[in-house]
């Protein structure tokens, strides 16, 4: 594929703009916090909003 001068300038301009905006291609590390839901009790129930009765998982938690 032959690259024209116009396409080269477009791509280099787009690369410059992306680097100016802080676009980084390095892998990221997820930093999740511990949620209070980990202490919750998990129970199953039925959704009351229509007559289908879909199953749902509920978490109940009583603050310490």
N, C-alpha and C. Protein backbone atom coordinates (compact mmCIF):
# COMPACT_ATOMS: atom_id res chain seq x y z
N UNK A 1 0.85 -1.17 0.00
CA UNK A 1 0.00 0.00 0.00
C UNK A 1 0.90 1.24 0.00
N UNK A 2 0.68 2.08 -0.95
CA UNK A 2 1.47 3.30 -1.06
C UNK A 2 0.85 4.37 -0.16
N UNK A 3 1.67 5.01 0.60
CA UNK A 3 1.20 6.07 1.50
C UNK A 3 1.50 7.41 0.84
N UNK A 4 0.44 8.16 0.64
CA UNK A 4 0.63 9.47 0.04
C UNK A 4 1.08 10.47 1.11
N UNK A 5 1.56 11.59 0.65
CA UNK A 5 2.01 12.63 1.58
C UNK A 5 0.85 13.12 2.44
N UNK A 6 -0.33 13.24 1.83
CA UNK A 6 -1.51 13.70 2.56
C UNK A 6 -1.90 12.72 3.67
N UNK A 7 -1.92 11.42 3.35
CA UNK A 7 -2.26 10.42 4.37
C UNK A 7 -1.21 10.37 5.48
N UNK A 8 0.05 10.52 5.11
CA UNK A 8 1.11 10.53 6.11
C UNK A 8 0.93 11.70 7.09
N UNK A 9 0.62 12.87 6.56
CA UNK A 9 0.42 14.03 7.42
C UNK A 9 -0.83 13.88 8.29
N UNK A 10 -1.88 13.28 7.75
CA UNK A 10 -3.09 13.03 8.56
C UNK A 10 -2.78 12.09 9.72
N UNK A 11 -2.09 10.99 9.41
CA UNK A 11 -1.79 10.02 10.47
C UNK A 11 -0.83 10.58 11.51
N UNK A 12 0.17 11.32 11.07
CA UNK A 12 1.09 11.89 12.05
C UNK A 12 0.41 12.97 12.89
N UNK A 13 -0.52 13.71 12.30
CA UNK A 13 -1.27 14.71 13.07
C UNK A 13 -2.20 14.05 14.08
N UNK A 14 -2.83 12.95 13.68
CA UNK A 14 -3.70 12.23 14.60
C UNK A 14 -2.89 11.63 15.75
N UNK A 15 -1.71 11.12 15.45
CA UNK A 15 -0.85 10.57 16.50
C UNK A 15 -0.37 11.64 17.46
N UNK A 16 -0.05 12.79 16.93
CA UNK A 16 0.38 13.90 17.78
C UNK A 16 -0.77 14.38 18.68
N UNK A 17 -1.97 14.46 18.11
CA UNK A 17 -3.13 14.88 18.91
C UNK A 17 -3.45 13.86 20.00
N UNK A 18 -3.35 12.57 19.67
CA UNK A 18 -3.63 11.53 20.66
C UNK A 18 -2.61 11.57 21.79
N UNK A 19 -1.35 11.81 21.47
CA UNK A 19 -0.35 11.86 22.54
C UNK A 19 -0.50 13.14 23.37
N UNK A 20 -0.98 14.20 22.75
CA UNK A 20 -1.18 15.45 23.50
C UNK A 20 -2.35 15.31 24.46
N UNK A 21 -3.33 14.47 24.12
CA UNK A 21 -4.49 14.27 24.98
C UNK A 21 -4.23 13.25 26.08
N UNK A 22 -3.07 12.64 26.06
CA UNK A 22 -2.72 11.71 27.13
C UNK A 22 -3.09 10.28 26.83
N UNK A 23 -3.28 9.93 25.59
CA UNK A 23 -3.58 8.56 25.23
C UNK A 23 -2.33 7.72 25.42
N UNK A 24 -2.42 6.70 26.27
CA UNK A 24 -1.28 5.86 26.55
C UNK A 24 -1.67 4.43 26.23
N UNK A 25 -0.84 3.72 25.50
CA UNK A 25 -1.14 2.35 25.10
C UNK A 25 -0.57 1.33 26.07
N UNK A 26 0.00 1.77 27.16
CA UNK A 26 0.53 0.84 28.17
C UNK A 26 -0.63 0.19 28.92
N UNK A 27 -0.47 -1.07 29.33
CA UNK A 27 -1.55 -1.73 30.07
C UNK A 27 -1.85 -1.02 31.39
N UNK A 28 -3.11 -1.02 31.77
CA UNK A 28 -3.54 -0.37 33.00
C UNK A 28 -3.72 -1.39 34.11
N UNK A 29 -3.63 -0.94 35.33
CA UNK A 29 -3.83 -1.79 36.49
C UNK A 29 -5.12 -1.39 37.17
N UNK A 30 -6.00 -2.34 37.39
CA UNK A 30 -7.27 -2.06 38.05
C UNK A 30 -7.03 -1.93 39.55
N UNK A 31 -7.61 -0.90 40.13
CA UNK A 31 -7.46 -0.66 41.56
C UNK A 31 -8.86 -0.60 42.16
N UNK A 32 -9.38 -1.76 42.53
CA UNK A 32 -10.72 -1.86 43.08
C UNK A 32 -10.67 -1.76 44.59
N UNK A 33 -11.67 -1.14 45.15
CA UNK A 33 -11.78 -1.03 46.60
C UNK A 33 -12.62 -2.18 47.13
N UNK A 34 -12.43 -2.51 48.38
CA UNK A 34 -13.27 -3.51 49.02
C UNK A 34 -14.63 -2.88 49.32
N UNK A 35 -15.68 -3.52 48.87
CA UNK A 35 -17.02 -3.00 49.07
C UNK A 35 -17.65 -3.60 50.32
N UNK A 36 -18.53 -2.85 50.97
CA UNK A 36 -19.20 -3.40 52.15
C UNK A 36 -20.15 -4.55 51.81
N UNK A 37 -20.45 -4.75 50.53
CA UNK A 37 -21.38 -5.82 50.15
C UNK A 37 -20.77 -7.20 50.40
N UNK A 38 -19.46 -7.26 50.59
CA UNK A 38 -18.85 -8.56 50.84
C UNK A 38 -19.32 -9.17 52.15
N UNK A 39 -19.81 -8.34 53.08
CA UNK A 39 -20.33 -8.84 54.34
C UNK A 39 -21.83 -9.10 54.30
N UNK A 40 -22.47 -8.86 53.15
CA UNK A 40 -23.92 -8.99 53.04
C UNK A 40 -24.33 -10.45 52.93
N UNK A 41 -25.56 -10.70 53.35
CA UNK A 41 -26.13 -12.03 53.24
C UNK A 41 -26.84 -12.13 51.90
N UNK A 42 -26.57 -13.17 51.14
CA UNK A 42 -27.14 -13.34 49.82
C UNK A 42 -28.35 -14.26 49.91
N UNK A 43 -29.50 -13.78 49.44
CA UNK A 43 -30.72 -14.57 49.42
C UNK A 43 -31.36 -14.47 48.04
N UNK A 44 -32.20 -15.41 47.70
CA UNK A 44 -32.92 -15.38 46.43
C UNK A 44 -34.37 -15.00 46.68
N UNK A 45 -34.96 -14.36 45.69
CA UNK A 45 -36.34 -13.91 45.79
C UNK A 45 -36.95 -13.89 44.39
N UNK A 46 -38.18 -13.44 44.32
CA UNK A 46 -38.90 -13.31 43.05
C UNK A 46 -39.24 -11.85 42.84
N UNK A 47 -39.01 -11.34 41.64
CA UNK A 47 -39.30 -9.95 41.30
C UNK A 47 -40.82 -9.74 41.31
N UNK A 48 -41.33 -8.72 42.04
CA UNK A 48 -42.77 -8.52 42.17
C UNK A 48 -43.40 -7.59 41.13
N UNK A 49 -42.66 -7.12 40.12
CA UNK A 49 -43.17 -6.07 39.27
C UNK A 49 -44.04 -6.53 38.11
N UNK A 50 -44.01 -7.76 37.72
CA UNK A 50 -44.91 -8.25 36.67
C UNK A 50 -45.29 -9.69 37.02
N UNK A 51 -46.07 -10.29 36.19
CA UNK A 51 -46.56 -11.63 36.51
C UNK A 51 -45.61 -12.74 36.07
N UNK A 52 -44.47 -12.41 35.51
CA UNK A 52 -43.53 -13.43 35.06
C UNK A 52 -42.83 -14.10 36.25
N UNK A 53 -42.44 -13.31 37.24
CA UNK A 53 -41.80 -13.86 38.44
C UNK A 53 -40.35 -14.24 38.21
N UNK A 54 -39.58 -13.35 37.65
CA UNK A 54 -38.15 -13.61 37.42
C UNK A 54 -37.43 -13.78 38.74
N UNK A 55 -36.46 -14.66 38.77
CA UNK A 55 -35.66 -14.84 39.97
C UNK A 55 -34.62 -13.74 40.08
N UNK A 56 -34.33 -13.34 41.30
CA UNK A 56 -33.31 -12.33 41.52
C UNK A 56 -32.52 -12.66 42.78
N UNK A 57 -31.31 -12.18 42.82
CA UNK A 57 -30.44 -12.39 43.98
C UNK A 57 -30.40 -11.09 44.75
N UNK A 58 -30.71 -11.16 46.04
CA UNK A 58 -30.73 -9.96 46.89
C UNK A 58 -29.59 -10.03 47.89
N UNK A 59 -29.07 -8.88 48.21
CA UNK A 59 -28.04 -8.78 49.25
C UNK A 59 -28.59 -7.91 50.37
N UNK A 60 -28.62 -8.46 51.56
CA UNK A 60 -29.06 -7.69 52.71
C UNK A 60 -27.87 -7.49 53.63
N UNK A 61 -27.72 -6.28 54.08
CA UNK A 61 -26.59 -5.93 54.92
C UNK A 61 -27.06 -5.04 56.04
N UNK A 62 -26.64 -5.36 57.24
CA UNK A 62 -26.94 -4.53 58.39
C UNK A 62 -25.63 -3.89 58.80
N UNK A 63 -25.61 -2.56 58.79
CA UNK A 63 -24.39 -1.84 59.14
C UNK A 63 -23.92 -2.16 60.54
N UNK A 64 -22.65 -2.10 60.72
CA UNK A 64 -22.06 -2.43 62.04
C UNK A 64 -22.17 -1.24 62.95
